[in-house]
Amino acid sequence: MRFFAWIFAVLVFLGVSAFPAAAQEKELSVEESYLQESVAVSLIREQARSEDRDGKLLALDYIKEYMDDGNKTDDVRAVLESLSLEGNLNKTRSEGRVMNNFPDIRIRALEYLGELGTKEATDSLIKVMFVDDEPAVLTQAVRSITKIGINDQGRPLTIINWIFSRFNAAAPDNRLALAFVDAVEAFASSTDGDQEEKLARASALETVRNISANHLYISAVRQRARNVMMKFYKNGADGNSGK
């Protein structure tokens, strides 16, 4: 509860919560609740702008505590998106060197975006996938998109398939492949069958088939791909058997 102790101290300083005993029983007014939330988000945002890795980790600790308390606002999503783009779109340089390339920060921010569970969070995750080239980061992005599970006419599946195909050809990664196969299983099962979704599903299943035959992946990954592929092809290539 370090973060909320900090918020409490700030609000006391501002005169919002310097209550006598009787006032402690009173619920916060709308204005006080809004101010408390506004102060919390402002402090999180400022902490996230720290130049050092430890400062950003602390910001993520605060975000986690804030979210666990039920605060899953779009302001929080915006801060998480910014942290997930650290070292890529958001670069701090010193003598030509990128100083804020922290994959572990990005991975944790992506995990929390998955916990938000909104379409806007999915859009933030997709944005990361277009600019990041770290397999571990992309793996978490795929997992978080899969956790949210918003199909959006096959768009997430199409984008995940396109991003993954680049690595499948150039630099196969077992963890990323496994996350991709899990995503295909989840999204292909939830498609409603319109034309765009059928095309996305067919293309993704073809990629899964390629994984199952690619000996650059370990046997467990190939077998997982084979199982998912057969799930959707046993009663027809359109995947209706996965319903």
C-alpha atoms as a PDB file:
ATOM      1  CA  MET A   1       0.000   0.000   0.000  1.00  0.00           C
ATOM      2  CA  ARG A   2       2.958   2.323  -0.417  1.00  0.00           C
ATOM      3  CA  PHE A   3       1.364   4.126  -3.323  1.00  0.00           C
ATOM      4  CA  PHE A   4      -1.899   4.957  -1.620  1.00  0.00           C
ATOM      5  CA  ALA A   5      -0.051   6.057   1.495  1.00  0.00           C
ATOM      6  CA  TRP A   6       1.738   8.497  -0.772  1.00  0.00           C
ATOM      7  CA  ILE A   7      -1.564   9.676  -2.284  1.00  0.00           C
ATOM      8  CA  PHE A   8      -3.022  10.119   1.195  1.00  0.00           C
ATOM      9  CA  ALA A   9      -0.052  12.270   2.234  1.00  0.00           C
ATOM     10  CA  VAL A  10      -0.438  14.468  -0.854  1.00  0.00           C
ATOM     11  CA  LEU A  11      -4.149  14.920  -0.304  1.00  0.00           C
ATOM     12  CA  VAL A  12      -3.585  15.836   3.322  1.00  0.00           C
ATOM     13  CA  PHE A  13      -1.094  18.450   2.172  1.00  0.00           C
ATOM     14  CA  LEU A  14      -3.717  19.798  -0.259  1.00  0.00           C
ATOM     15  CA  GLY A  15      -6.253  19.960   2.527  1.00  0.00           C
ATOM     16  CA  VAL A  16      -8.606  17.429   0.962  1.00  0.00           C
ATOM     17  CA  SER A  17      -8.376  14.747   3.621  1.00  0.00           C
ATOM     18  CA  ALA A  18      -7.304  16.503   6.786  1.00  0.00           C
ATOM     19  CA  PHE A  19     -10.366  15.118   8.511  1.00  0.00           C
ATOM     20  CA  PRO A  20     -11.383  15.160  12.112  1.00  0.00           C
ATOM     21  CA  ALA A  21     -12.697  11.929  13.598  1.00  0.00           C
ATOM     22  CA  ALA A  22     -16.302  12.623  12.562  1.00  0.00           C
ATOM     23  CA  ALA A  23     -15.325  13.283   8.961  1.00  0.00           C
ATOM     24  CA  GLN A  24     -13.537   9.947   8.676  1.00  0.00           C
ATOM     25  CA  GLU A  25     -16.931   8.234   8.541  1.00  0.00           C
ATOM     26  CA  LYS A  26     -18.116  10.385   5.630  1.00  0.00           C
ATOM     27  CA  GLU A  27     -17.835   9.110   2.086  1.00  0.00           C
ATOM     28  CA  LEU A  28     -15.764  11.182  -0.292  1.00  0.00           C
ATOM     29  CA  SER A  29     -17.704  13.718  -2.312  1.00  0.00           C
ATOM     30  CA  VAL A  30     -17.678  13.525  -6.110  1.00  0.00           C
ATOM     31  CA  GLU A  31     -15.175  16.379  -6.210  1.00  0.00           C
ATOM     32  CA  GLU A  32     -12.893  14.728  -3.636  1.00  0.00           C
ATOM     33  CA  SER A  33     -13.053  11.376  -5.425  1.00  0.00           C
ATOM     34  CA  TYR A  34     -12.200  13.024  -8.725  1.00  0.00           C
ATOM     35  CA  LEU A  35      -9.303  14.918  -7.160  1.00  0.00           C
ATOM     36  CA  GLN A  36      -7.986  11.767  -5.514  1.00  0.00           C
ATOM     37  CA  GLU A  37      -8.068   9.918  -8.840  1.00  0.00           C
ATOM     38  CA  SER A  38      -6.544  12.877 -10.673  1.00  0.00           C
ATOM     39  CA  VAL A  39      -3.689  13.179  -8.183  1.00  0.00           C
ATOM     40  CA  ALA A  40      -3.039   9.431  -8.313  1.00  0.00           C
ATOM     41  CA  VAL A  41      -2.843   9.364 -12.110  1.00  0.00           C
ATOM     42  CA  SER A  42      -0.658  12.472 -12.184  1.00  0.00           C
ATOM     43  CA  LEU A  43       1.812  10.930  -9.749  1.00  0.00           C
ATOM     44  CA  ILE A  44       1.859   7.659 -11.693  1.00  0.00           C
ATOM     45  CA  ARG A  45       2.441   9.558 -14.929  1.00  0.00           C
ATOM     46  CA  GLU A  46       5.319  11.552 -13.470  1.00  0.00           C
ATOM     47  CA  GLN A  47       6.919   8.440 -11.984  1.00  0.00           C
ATOM     48  CA  ALA A  48       6.634   6.675 -15.350  1.00  0.00           C
ATOM     49  CA  ARG A  49       8.643   9.497 -16.911  1.00  0.00           C
ATOM     50  CA  SER A  50      11.643   8.679 -14.720  1.00  0.00           C
ATOM     51  CA  GLU A  51      14.784   8.324 -16.794  1.00  0.00           C
ATOM     52  CA  ASP A  52      16.094   5.280 -14.949  1.00  0.00           C
ATOM     53  CA  ARG A  53      14.794   1.715 -15.049  1.00  0.00           C
ATOM     54  CA  ASP A  54      14.154   1.482 -11.289  1.00  0.00           C
ATOM     55  CA  GLY A  55      11.924   4.538 -11.420  1.00  0.00           C
ATOM     56  CA  LYS A  56       9.825   2.992 -14.152  1.00  0.00           C
ATOM     57  CA  LEU A  57       9.585  -0.280 -12.225  1.00  0.00           C
ATOM     58  CA  LEU A  58       8.256   1.695  -9.278  1.00  0.00           C
ATOM     59  CA  ALA A  59       5.684   3.322 -11.550  1.00  0.00           C
ATOM     60  CA  LEU A  60       4.552  -0.149 -12.627  1.00  0.00           C
ATOM     61  CA  ASP A  61       4.255  -1.193  -8.985  1.00  0.00           C
ATOM     62  CA  TYR A  62       1.994   1.811  -8.391  1.00  0.00           C
ATOM     63  CA  ILE A  63      -0.057   1.037 -11.499  1.00  0.00           C
ATOM     64  CA  LYS A  64      -0.578  -2.546 -10.377  1.00  0.00           C
ATOM     65  CA  GLU A  65      -1.747  -1.437  -6.957  1.00  0.00           C
ATOM     66  CA  TYR A  66      -3.996   1.210  -8.509  1.00  0.00           C
ATOM     67  CA  MET A  67      -5.543  -1.328 -10.907  1.00  0.00           C
ATOM     68  CA  ASP A  68      -5.999  -3.936  -8.181  1.00  0.00           C
ATOM     69  CA  ASP A  69      -8.066  -1.345  -6.341  1.00  0.00           C
ATOM     70  CA  GLY A  70     -10.474  -1.297  -9.290  1.00  0.00           C
ATOM     71  CA  ASN A  71      -9.089   1.707 -11.162  1.00  0.00           C
ATOM     72  CA  LYS A  72      -8.806   0.577 -14.790  1.00  0.00           C
ATOM     73  CA  THR A  73      -9.190   3.904 -16.532  1.00  0.00           C
ATOM     74  CA  ASP A  74      -8.076   5.035 -19.961  1.00  0.00           C
ATOM     75  CA  ASP A  75      -5.560   7.351 -18.269  1.00  0.00           C
ATOM     76  CA  VAL A  76      -3.868   4.256 -16.858  1.00  0.00           C
ATOM     77  CA  ARG A  77      -3.954   2.640 -20.294  1.00  0.00           C
ATOM     78  CA  ALA A  78      -2.233   5.675 -21.793  1.00  0.00           C
ATOM     79  CA  VAL A  79       0.590   5.474 -19.236  1.00  0.00           C
ATOM     80  CA  LEU A  80       0.979   1.742 -19.845  1.00  0.00           C
ATOM     81  CA  GLU A  81       1.066   2.308 -23.602  1.00  0.00           C
ATOM     82  CA  SER A  82       3.826   4.868 -23.156  1.00  0.00           C
ATOM     83  CA  LEU A  83       5.847   2.453 -21.011  1.00  0.00           C
ATOM     84  CA  SER A  84       5.300  -0.365 -23.518  1.00  0.00           C
ATOM     85  CA  LEU A  85       6.860   1.793 -26.231  1.00  0.00           C
ATOM     86  CA  GLU A  86       9.957   2.732 -24.204  1.00  0.00           C
ATOM     87  CA  GLY A  87      13.088   2.365 -26.316  1.00  0.00           C
ATOM     88  CA  ASN A  88      11.140   2.189 -29.572  1.00  0.00           C
ATOM     89  CA  LEU A  89       8.779   5.080 -30.321  1.00  0.00           C
ATOM     90  CA  ASN A  90       9.728   6.728 -27.029  1.00  0.00           C
ATOM     91  CA  LYS A  91      13.509   7.057 -27.083  1.00  0.00           C
ATOM     92  CA  THR A  92      15.886   8.880 -24.762  1.00  0.00           C
ATOM     93  CA  ARG A  93      19.357   9.286 -26.258  1.00  0.00           C
ATOM     94  CA  SER A  94      22.750  10.199 -24.852  1.00  0.00           C
ATOM     95  CA  GLU A  95      25.622  10.634 -27.297  1.00  0.00           C
ATOM     96  CA  GLY A  96      23.622   8.775 -29.896  1.00  0.00           C
ATOM     97  CA  ARG A  97      22.882   5.811 -27.644  1.00  0.00           C
ATOM     98  CA  VAL A  98      19.332   4.824 -26.662  1.00  0.00           C
ATOM     99  CA  MET A  99      19.244   4.972 -22.867  1.00  0.00           C
ATOM    100  CA  ASN A 100      15.724   3.694 -22.165  1.00  0.00           C
ATOM    101  CA  ASN A 101      15.652   0.348 -23.977  1.00  0.00           C
ATOM    102  CA  PHE A 102      14.198  -1.762 -21.145  1.00  0.00           C
ATOM    103  CA  PRO A 103      12.477  -4.907 -22.511  1.00  0.00           C
ATOM    104  CA  ASP A 104      11.440  -5.981 -18.992  1.00  0.00           C
ATOM    105  CA  ILE A 105       9.589  -2.681 -18.531  1.00  0.00           C
ATOM    106  CA  ARG A 106       7.783  -3.147 -21.821  1.00  0.00           C
ATOM    107  CA  ILE A 107       6.849  -6.746 -20.994  1.00  0.00           C
ATOM    108  CA  ARG A 108       5.322  -5.798 -17.664  1.00  0.00           C
ATOM    109  CA  ALA A 109       3.412  -2.884 -19.173  1.00  0.00           C
ATOM    110  CA  LEU A 110       2.012  -5.226 -21.820  1.00  0.00           C
ATOM    111  CA  GLU A 111       0.948  -7.696 -19.139  1.00  0.00           C
ATOM    112  CA  TYR A 112      -1.036  -4.985 -17.357  1.00  0.00           C
ATOM    113  CA  LEU A 113      -2.601  -3.833 -20.633  1.00  0.00           C
ATOM    114  CA  GLY A 114      -3.915  -7.373 -20.957  1.00  0.00           C
ATOM    115  CA  GLU A 115      -5.464  -7.058 -17.502  1.00  0.00           C
ATOM    116  CA  LEU A 116      -7.332  -3.904 -18.548  1.00  0.00           C
ATOM    117  CA  GLY A 117      -9.337  -5.975 -21.005  1.00  0.00           C
ATOM    118  CA  THR A 118     -10.582  -3.159 -23.263  1.00  0.00           C
ATOM    119  CA  LYS A 119     -10.605  -2.559 -27.012  1.00  0.00           C
ATOM    120  CA  GLU A 120      -8.377   0.465 -26.442  1.00  0.00           C
ATOM    121  CA  ALA A 121      -5.887  -1.776 -24.624  1.00  0.00           C
ATOM    122  CA  THR A 122      -5.953  -4.154 -27.602  1.00  0.00           C
ATOM    123  CA  ASP A 123      -5.175  -1.219 -29.895  1.00  0.00           C
ATOM    124  CA  SER A 124      -2.213  -0.270 -27.663  1.00  0.00           C
ATOM    125  CA  LEU A 125      -0.915  -3.843 -27.807  1.00  0.00           C
ATOM    126  CA  ILE A 126      -1.202  -3.924 -31.587  1.00  0.00           C
ATOM    127  CA  LYS A 127       0.708  -0.656 -31.814  1.00  0.00           C
ATOM    128  CA  VAL A 128       3.577  -2.236 -29.886  1.00  0.00           C
ATOM    129  CA  MET A 129       3.639  -5.239 -32.214  1.00  0.00           C
ATOM    130  CA  PHE A 130       4.282  -3.005 -35.200  1.00  0.00           C
ATOM    131  CA  VAL A 131       7.358  -1.321 -33.699  1.00  0.00           C
ATOM    132  CA  ASP A 132       9.030  -3.882 -31.409  1.00  0.00           C
ATOM    133  CA  ASP A 133      11.491  -6.526 -32.595  1.00  0.00           C
ATOM    134  CA  GLU A 134      12.178  -8.258 -29.260  1.00  0.00           C
ATOM    135  CA  PRO A 135      10.662 -11.778 -29.314  1.00  0.00           C
ATOM    136  CA  ALA A 136      10.011 -11.810 -25.559  1.00  0.00           C
ATOM    137  CA  VAL A 137       8.132  -8.508 -25.801  1.00  0.00           C
ATOM    138  CA  LEU A 138       6.102  -9.671 -28.781  1.00  0.00           C
ATOM    139  CA  THR A 139       5.313 -12.909 -26.959  1.00  0.00           C
ATOM    140  CA  GLN A 140       3.750 -10.959 -24.087  1.00  0.00           C
ATOM    141  CA  ALA A 141       1.871  -8.720 -26.523  1.00  0.00           C
ATOM    142  CA  VAL A 142       0.333 -11.782 -28.202  1.00  0.00           C
ATOM    143  CA  ARG A 143      -0.570 -13.301 -24.837  1.00  0.00           C
ATOM    144  CA  SER A 144      -2.223 -10.096 -23.663  1.00  0.00           C
ATOM    145  CA  ILE A 145      -4.204  -9.698 -26.892  1.00  0.00           C
ATOM    146  CA  THR A 146      -5.340 -13.301 -26.528  1.00  0.00           C
ATOM    147  CA  LYS A 147      -6.335 -12.707 -22.899  1.00  0.00           C
ATOM    148  CA  ILE A 148      -8.490  -9.724 -23.856  1.00  0.00           C
ATOM    149  CA  GLY A 149     -10.034 -11.787 -26.638  1.00  0.00           C
ATOM    150  CA  ILE A 150     -11.770  -9.021 -28.607  1.00  0.00           C
ATOM    151  CA  ASN A 151     -12.047 -10.487 -32.097  1.00  0.00           C
ATOM    152  CA  ASP A 152     -13.010  -7.351 -34.070  1.00  0.00           C
ATOM    153  CA  GLN A 153     -13.808  -9.131 -37.374  1.00  0.00           C
ATOM    154  CA  GLY A 154     -10.562 -11.093 -37.387  1.00  0.00           C
ATOM    155  CA  ARG A 155      -8.319  -8.008 -37.152  1.00  0.00           C
ATOM    156  CA  PRO A 156      -6.198  -9.136 -34.150  1.00  0.00           C
ATOM    157  CA  LEU A 157      -5.680 -12.559 -35.720  1.00  0.00           C
ATOM    158  CA  THR A 158      -4.657 -11.021 -39.061  1.00  0.00           C
ATOM    159  CA  ILE A 159      -2.147  -8.685 -37.427  1.00  0.00           C
ATOM    160  CA  ILE A 160      -0.718 -11.351 -35.097  1.00  0.00           C
ATOM    161  CA  ASN A 161      -0.292 -13.676 -38.064  1.00  0.00           C
ATOM    162  CA  TRP A 162       1.434 -10.991 -40.135  1.00  0.00           C
ATOM    163  CA  ILE A 163       3.807 -10.007 -37.318  1.00  0.00           C
ATOM    164  CA  PHE A 164       4.612 -13.595 -36.404  1.00  0.00           C
ATOM    165  CA  SER A 165       5.297 -14.619 -40.000  1.00  0.00           C
ATOM    166  CA  ARG A 166       8.275 -12.261 -40.109  1.00  0.00           C
ATOM    167  CA  PHE A 167       9.919 -14.075 -37.200  1.00  0.00           C
ATOM    168  CA  ASN A 168       8.834 -17.498 -38.371  1.00  0.00           C
ATOM    169  CA  ALA A 169      10.861 -16.956 -41.526  1.00  0.00           C
ATOM    170  CA  ALA A 170      13.886 -15.086 -40.180  1.00  0.00           C
ATOM    171  CA  ALA A 171      14.374 -15.926 -36.490  1.00  0.00           C
ATOM    172  CA  PRO A 172      12.111 -18.721 -35.139  1.00  0.00           C
ATOM    173  CA  ASP A 173      11.419 -18.386 -31.411  1.00  0.00           C
ATOM    174  CA  ASN A 174       9.745 -21.198 -29.454  1.00  0.00           C
ATOM    175  CA  ARG A 175       7.964 -18.997 -26.904  1.00  0.00           C
ATOM    176  CA  LEU A 176       6.614 -16.662 -29.552  1.00  0.00           C
ATOM    177  CA  ALA A 177       5.473 -19.606 -31.663  1.00  0.00           C
ATOM    178  CA  LEU A 178       3.646 -21.150 -28.716  1.00  0.00           C
ATOM    179  CA  ALA A 179       1.924 -17.845 -27.889  1.00  0.00           C
ATOM    180  CA  PHE A 180       0.924 -17.520 -31.547  1.00  0.00           C
ATOM    181  CA  VAL A 181      -0.568 -21.024 -31.669  1.00  0.00           C
ATOM    182  CA  ASP A 182      -2.537 -20.333 -28.483  1.00  0.00           C
ATOM    183  CA  ALA A 183      -3.837 -17.102 -30.038  1.00  0.00           C
ATOM    184  CA  VAL A 184      -4.916 -18.870 -33.205  1.00  0.00           C
ATOM    185  CA  GLU A 185      -6.796 -21.467 -31.183  1.00  0.00           C
ATOM    186  CA  ALA A 186      -8.577 -18.776 -29.165  1.00  0.00           C
ATOM    187  CA  PHE A 187      -9.461 -16.414 -31.997  1.00  0.00           C
ATOM    188  CA  ALA A 188     -10.231 -19.038 -34.634  1.00  0.00           C
ATOM    189  CA  SER A 189     -12.661 -20.645 -32.198  1.00  0.00           C
ATOM    190  CA  SER A 190     -14.505 -17.378 -31.638  1.00  0.00           C
ATOM    191  CA  THR A 191     -14.943 -16.256 -35.251  1.00  0.00           C
ATOM    192  CA  ASP A 192     -18.518 -15.795 -36.490  1.00  0.00           C
ATOM    193  CA  GLY A 193     -17.755 -16.896 -40.013  1.00  0.00           C
ATOM    194  CA  ASP A 194     -17.999 -13.730 -42.132  1.00  0.00           C
ATOM    195  CA  GLN A 195     -15.658 -13.421 -45.084  1.00  0.00           C
ATOM    196  CA  GLU A 196     -12.935 -11.387 -43.371  1.00  0.00           C
ATOM    197  CA  GLU A 197     -12.865 -13.731 -40.401  1.00  0.00           C
ATOM    198  CA  LYS A 198     -12.701 -16.800 -42.619  1.00  0.00           C
ATOM    199  CA  LEU A 199      -9.731 -15.360 -44.505  1.00  0.00           C
ATOM    200  CA  ALA A 200      -7.952 -14.449 -41.259  1.00  0.00           C
ATOM    201  CA  ARG A 201      -8.573 -17.916 -39.845  1.00  0.00           C
ATOM    202  CA  ALA A 202      -7.435 -19.733 -42.982  1.00  0.00           C
ATOM    203  CA  SER A 203      -4.218 -17.716 -43.208  1.00  0.00           C
ATOM    204  CA  ALA A 204      -3.420 -18.194 -39.525  1.00  0.00           C
ATOM    205  CA  LEU A 205      -4.080 -21.929 -39.685  1.00  0.00           C
ATOM    206  CA  GLU A 206      -1.708 -22.195 -42.634  1.00  0.00           C
ATOM    207  CA  THR A 207       0.973 -20.557 -40.482  1.00  0.00           C
ATOM    208  CA  VAL A 208       0.201 -23.064 -37.714  1.00  0.00           C
ATOM    209  CA  ARG A 209       0.662 -25.870 -40.244  1.00  0.00           C
ATOM    210  CA  ASN A 210       4.074 -24.432 -41.146  1.00  0.00           C
ATOM    211  CA  ILE A 211       5.069 -24.384 -37.475  1.00  0.00           C
ATOM    212  CA  SER A 212       4.072 -28.025 -37.077  1.00  0.00           C
ATOM    213  CA  ALA A 213       6.493 -29.003 -39.872  1.00  0.00           C
ATOM    214  CA  ASN A 214       9.364 -26.647 -39.001  1.00  0.00           C
ATOM    215  CA  HIS A 215      12.108 -28.563 -37.205  1.00  0.00           C
ATOM    216  CA  LEU A 216      13.699 -25.329 -36.027  1.00  0.00           C
ATOM    217  CA  TYR A 217      11.033 -25.462 -33.310  1.00  0.00           C
ATOM    218  CA  ILE A 218      11.228 -27.940 -30.457  1.00  0.00           C
ATOM    219  CA  SER A 219       9.027 -31.023 -30.665  1.00  0.00           C
ATOM    220  CA  ALA A 220       6.603 -29.796 -27.981  1.00  0.00           C
ATOM    221  CA  VAL A 221       5.840 -26.646 -29.982  1.00  0.00           C
ATOM    222  CA  ARG A 222       5.431 -28.607 -33.211  1.00  0.00           C
ATOM    223  CA  GLN A 223       3.066 -31.046 -31.494  1.00  0.00           C
ATOM    224  CA  ARG A 224       1.001 -28.206 -30.013  1.00  0.00           C
ATOM    225  CA  ALA A 225       0.706 -26.678 -33.487  1.00  0.00           C
ATOM    226  CA  ARG A 226      -0.288 -30.051 -34.923  1.00  0.00           C
ATOM    227  CA  ASN A 227      -3.007 -30.512 -32.297  1.00  0.00           C
ATOM    228  CA  VAL A 228      -4.498 -27.086 -32.938  1.00  0.00           C
ATOM    229  CA  MET A 229      -4.326 -27.527 -36.687  1.00  0.00           C
ATOM    230  CA  MET A 230      -6.164 -30.861 -36.507  1.00  0.00           C
ATOM    231  CA  LYS A 231      -8.795 -29.372 -34.197  1.00  0.00           C
ATOM    232  CA  PHE A 232      -9.902 -27.043 -36.972  1.00  0.00           C
ATOM    233  CA  TYR A 233      -9.287 -29.232 -39.998  1.00  0.00           C
ATOM    234  CA  LYS A 234     -10.769 -32.548 -38.927  1.00  0.00           C
ATOM    235  CA  ASN A 235     -14.267 -31.592 -40.165  1.00  0.00           C
ATOM    236  CA  GLY A 236     -13.287 -29.127 -42.871  1.00  0.00           C
ATOM    237  CA  ALA A 237     -10.638 -26.530 -43.618  1.00  0.00           C
ATOM    238  CA  ASP A 238     -12.923 -23.611 -42.763  1.00  0.00           C
ATOM    239  CA  GLY A 239     -12.523 -24.402 -39.061  1.00  0.00           C
ATOM    240  CA  ASN A 240     -16.189 -24.803 -38.210  1.00  0.00           C
ATOM    241  CA  SER A 241     -15.348 -27.866 -36.138  1.00  0.00           C
ATOM    242  CA  GLY A 242     -13.700 -25.608 -33.586  1.00  0.00           C
ATOM    243  CA  LYS A 243     -17.009 -24.139 -32.564  1.00  0.00           C
END
